[in-house]
Amino acid sequence: MSTEEETLLESLIGLEQFPAIQQARQAGYKTRIGSVNGNHNVLTRDFDVKRITIDVDFGIVTGARFG
């Protein structure tokens, strides 16, 4: 993972859900929600380098990872 990619993931954490999704999409990535308030969503196991999976707690992004 490049420094630019790491910076993007770090910049999403702490944002509200929809602004974070918008920022990721503006950077050229698809998004999906991995979990909401600790409840994990059912996800496919395919790895997509152009997708960011985010975790959201009470409307705030608490985790972000590629895939």
N, C-alpha and C. Protein backbone atom coordinates (compact mmCIF):
# COMPACT_ATOMS: atom_id res chain seq x y z
N MET A 1 0.85 -1.17 0.00
CA MET A 1 0.00 0.00 0.00
C MET A 1 0.90 1.24 0.00
N SER A 2 0.55 2.17 -0.85
CA SER A 2 1.34 3.39 -0.95
C SER A 2 1.01 4.35 0.20
N THR A 3 1.89 5.31 0.40
CA THR A 3 1.65 6.32 1.42
C THR A 3 0.39 7.11 1.12
N GLU A 4 0.14 7.37 -0.15
CA GLU A 4 -1.06 8.11 -0.56
C GLU A 4 -2.32 7.32 -0.19
N GLU A 5 -2.29 6.01 -0.40
CA GLU A 5 -3.43 5.16 -0.05
C GLU A 5 -3.65 5.12 1.46
N GLU A 6 -2.55 5.00 2.20
CA GLU A 6 -2.66 5.01 3.67
C GLU A 6 -3.24 6.32 4.17
N THR A 7 -2.81 7.42 3.58
CA THR A 7 -3.30 8.74 3.95
C THR A 7 -4.79 8.86 3.67
N LEU A 8 -5.23 8.32 2.54
CA LEU A 8 -6.65 8.36 2.21
C LEU A 8 -7.46 7.60 3.26
N LEU A 9 -7.05 6.39 3.60
CA LEU A 9 -7.78 5.61 4.60
C LEU A 9 -7.83 6.35 5.93
N GLU A 10 -6.71 6.89 6.36
CA GLU A 10 -6.66 7.62 7.62
C GLU A 10 -7.55 8.85 7.60
N SER A 11 -7.65 9.49 6.44
CA SER A 11 -8.46 10.71 6.35
C SER A 11 -9.96 10.42 6.45
N LEU A 12 -10.36 9.20 6.17
CA LEU A 12 -11.78 8.85 6.24
C LEU A 12 -12.24 8.63 7.68
N ILE A 13 -11.33 8.17 8.51
CA ILE A 13 -11.69 7.87 9.90
C ILE A 13 -12.00 9.17 10.64
N GLY A 14 -13.16 9.18 11.29
CA GLY A 14 -13.61 10.35 12.02
C GLY A 14 -14.61 11.19 11.25
N LEU A 15 -14.72 10.94 9.94
CA LEU A 15 -15.71 11.66 9.15
C LEU A 15 -17.09 11.04 9.33
N GLU A 16 -18.13 11.80 9.03
CA GLU A 16 -19.46 11.23 8.97
C GLU A 16 -19.52 10.31 7.75
N GLN A 17 -20.44 9.35 7.79
CA GLN A 17 -20.51 8.30 6.77
C GLN A 17 -20.58 8.85 5.36
N PHE A 18 -21.53 9.71 5.07
CA PHE A 18 -21.73 10.13 3.68
C PHE A 18 -20.62 11.01 3.14
N PRO A 19 -20.08 11.96 3.92
CA PRO A 19 -18.90 12.69 3.42
C PRO A 19 -17.70 11.77 3.18
N ALA A 20 -17.54 10.75 3.99
CA ALA A 20 -16.43 9.80 3.80
C ALA A 20 -16.61 9.04 2.49
N ILE A 21 -17.83 8.59 2.23
CA ILE A 21 -18.11 7.87 0.99
C ILE A 21 -17.85 8.79 -0.20
N GLN A 22 -18.29 10.02 -0.10
CA GLN A 22 -18.07 10.97 -1.19
C GLN A 22 -16.57 11.21 -1.42
N GLN A 23 -15.81 11.35 -0.35
CA GLN A 23 -14.37 11.58 -0.49
C GLN A 23 -13.70 10.37 -1.15
N ALA A 24 -14.06 9.17 -0.73
CA ALA A 24 -13.48 7.96 -1.33
C ALA A 24 -13.83 7.87 -2.81
N ARG A 25 -15.06 8.17 -3.16
CA ARG A 25 -15.48 8.10 -4.56
C ARG A 25 -14.79 9.17 -5.40
N GLN A 26 -14.58 10.35 -4.84
CA GLN A 26 -13.86 11.39 -5.57
C GLN A 26 -12.41 10.99 -5.83
N ALA A 27 -11.87 10.13 -4.96
CA ALA A 27 -10.51 9.64 -5.15
C ALA A 27 -10.47 8.45 -6.11
N GLY A 28 -11.65 8.02 -6.59
CA GLY A 28 -11.69 6.95 -7.58
C GLY A 28 -11.96 5.56 -7.04
N TYR A 29 -12.47 5.48 -5.81
CA TYR A 29 -12.73 4.18 -5.19
C TYR A 29 -14.22 3.94 -5.01
N LYS A 30 -14.61 2.66 -5.15
CA LYS A 30 -15.96 2.25 -4.78
C LYS A 30 -15.96 2.07 -3.26
N THR A 31 -17.13 2.07 -2.66
CA THR A 31 -17.21 1.89 -1.21
C THR A 31 -18.27 0.86 -0.86
N ARG A 32 -18.12 0.31 0.34
CA ARG A 32 -19.15 -0.53 0.93
C ARG A 32 -19.04 -0.41 2.44
N ILE A 33 -20.13 -0.72 3.11
CA ILE A 33 -20.18 -0.63 4.56
C ILE A 33 -19.93 -2.02 5.14
N GLY A 34 -18.85 -2.15 5.90
CA GLY A 34 -18.51 -3.44 6.50
C GLY A 34 -19.29 -3.72 7.77
N SER A 35 -19.49 -2.70 8.58
CA SER A 35 -20.26 -2.88 9.81
C SER A 35 -20.88 -1.56 10.22
N VAL A 36 -21.99 -1.69 10.95
CA VAL A 36 -22.69 -0.52 11.48
C VAL A 36 -22.95 -0.78 12.96
N ASN A 37 -22.42 0.11 13.79
CA ASN A 37 -22.59 0.01 15.25
C ASN A 37 -22.21 -1.37 15.78
N GLY A 38 -21.13 -1.92 15.24
CA GLY A 38 -20.62 -3.21 15.70
C GLY A 38 -21.28 -4.42 15.08
N ASN A 39 -22.31 -4.23 14.28
CA ASN A 39 -23.00 -5.33 13.60
C ASN A 39 -22.42 -5.47 12.20
N HIS A 40 -21.78 -6.61 11.95
CA HIS A 40 -21.12 -6.83 10.67
C HIS A 40 -22.14 -7.17 9.59
N ASN A 41 -21.95 -6.55 8.43
CA ASN A 41 -22.79 -6.84 7.27
C ASN A 41 -22.26 -8.08 6.57
N VAL A 42 -23.12 -8.77 5.86
CA VAL A 42 -22.69 -9.89 5.04
C VAL A 42 -22.01 -9.32 3.80
N LEU A 43 -20.76 -9.73 3.58
CA LEU A 43 -19.98 -9.21 2.47
C LEU A 43 -19.44 -10.35 1.62
N THR A 44 -19.19 -10.06 0.36
CA THR A 44 -18.52 -11.04 -0.49
C THR A 44 -17.05 -11.10 -0.12
N ARG A 45 -16.40 -12.18 -0.45
CA ARG A 45 -14.98 -12.35 -0.11
C ARG A 45 -14.05 -11.92 -1.23
N ASP A 46 -14.59 -11.38 -2.28
CA ASP A 46 -13.74 -10.94 -3.38
C ASP A 46 -12.94 -9.71 -2.94
N PHE A 47 -11.70 -9.65 -3.34
CA PHE A 47 -10.85 -8.50 -3.00
C PHE A 47 -10.79 -7.59 -4.20
N ASP A 48 -11.14 -6.35 -4.01
CA ASP A 48 -11.14 -5.36 -5.08
C ASP A 48 -10.24 -4.21 -4.64
N VAL A 49 -9.13 -4.02 -5.34
CA VAL A 49 -8.18 -2.98 -4.96
C VAL A 49 -8.73 -1.57 -5.14
N LYS A 50 -9.84 -1.46 -5.86
CA LYS A 50 -10.45 -0.14 -6.08
C LYS A 50 -11.70 0.03 -5.22
N ARG A 51 -11.76 -0.70 -4.09
CA ARG A 51 -12.91 -0.59 -3.18
C ARG A 51 -12.40 -0.40 -1.76
N ILE A 52 -13.08 0.48 -1.04
CA ILE A 52 -12.79 0.71 0.37
C ILE A 52 -13.99 0.25 1.17
N THR A 53 -13.72 -0.57 2.18
CA THR A 53 -14.76 -1.02 3.10
C THR A 53 -14.64 -0.19 4.36
N ILE A 54 -15.74 0.42 4.76
CA ILE A 54 -15.70 1.25 5.96
C ILE A 54 -16.61 0.68 7.05
N ASP A 55 -16.21 0.93 8.28
CA ASP A 55 -17.00 0.58 9.46
C ASP A 55 -17.54 1.89 10.03
N VAL A 56 -18.82 1.86 10.43
CA VAL A 56 -19.48 3.07 10.88
C VAL A 56 -20.10 2.82 12.26
N ASP A 57 -19.84 3.72 13.18
CA ASP A 57 -20.46 3.67 14.50
C ASP A 57 -21.15 5.00 14.75
N PHE A 58 -22.45 4.93 14.91
CA PHE A 58 -23.28 6.11 15.19
C PHE A 58 -23.03 7.23 14.18
N GLY A 59 -22.91 6.82 12.90
CA GLY A 59 -22.78 7.77 11.80
C GLY A 59 -21.37 8.24 11.50
N ILE A 60 -20.38 7.78 12.29
CA ILE A 60 -18.99 8.20 12.13
C ILE A 60 -18.15 7.02 11.68
N VAL A 61 -17.27 7.23 10.70
CA VAL A 61 -16.40 6.18 10.23
C VAL A 61 -15.34 5.88 11.29
N THR A 62 -15.27 4.63 11.70
CA THR A 62 -14.31 4.20 12.72
C THR A 62 -13.25 3.26 12.18
N GLY A 63 -13.41 2.81 10.96
CA GLY A 63 -12.43 1.93 10.33
C GLY A 63 -12.55 2.01 8.82
N ALA A 64 -11.42 1.82 8.14
CA ALA A 64 -11.41 1.85 6.68
C ALA A 64 -10.28 0.94 6.20
N ARG A 65 -10.58 0.14 5.17
CA ARG A 65 -9.57 -0.77 4.62
C ARG A 65 -9.89 -1.04 3.15
N PHE A 66 -8.87 -1.38 2.41
CA PHE A 66 -9.08 -1.72 1.00
C PHE A 66 -9.64 -3.12 0.90
N GLY A 67 -10.40 -3.34 -0.15
CA GLY A 67 -10.97 -4.67 -0.40
C GLY A 67 -12.39 -4.59 -0.41
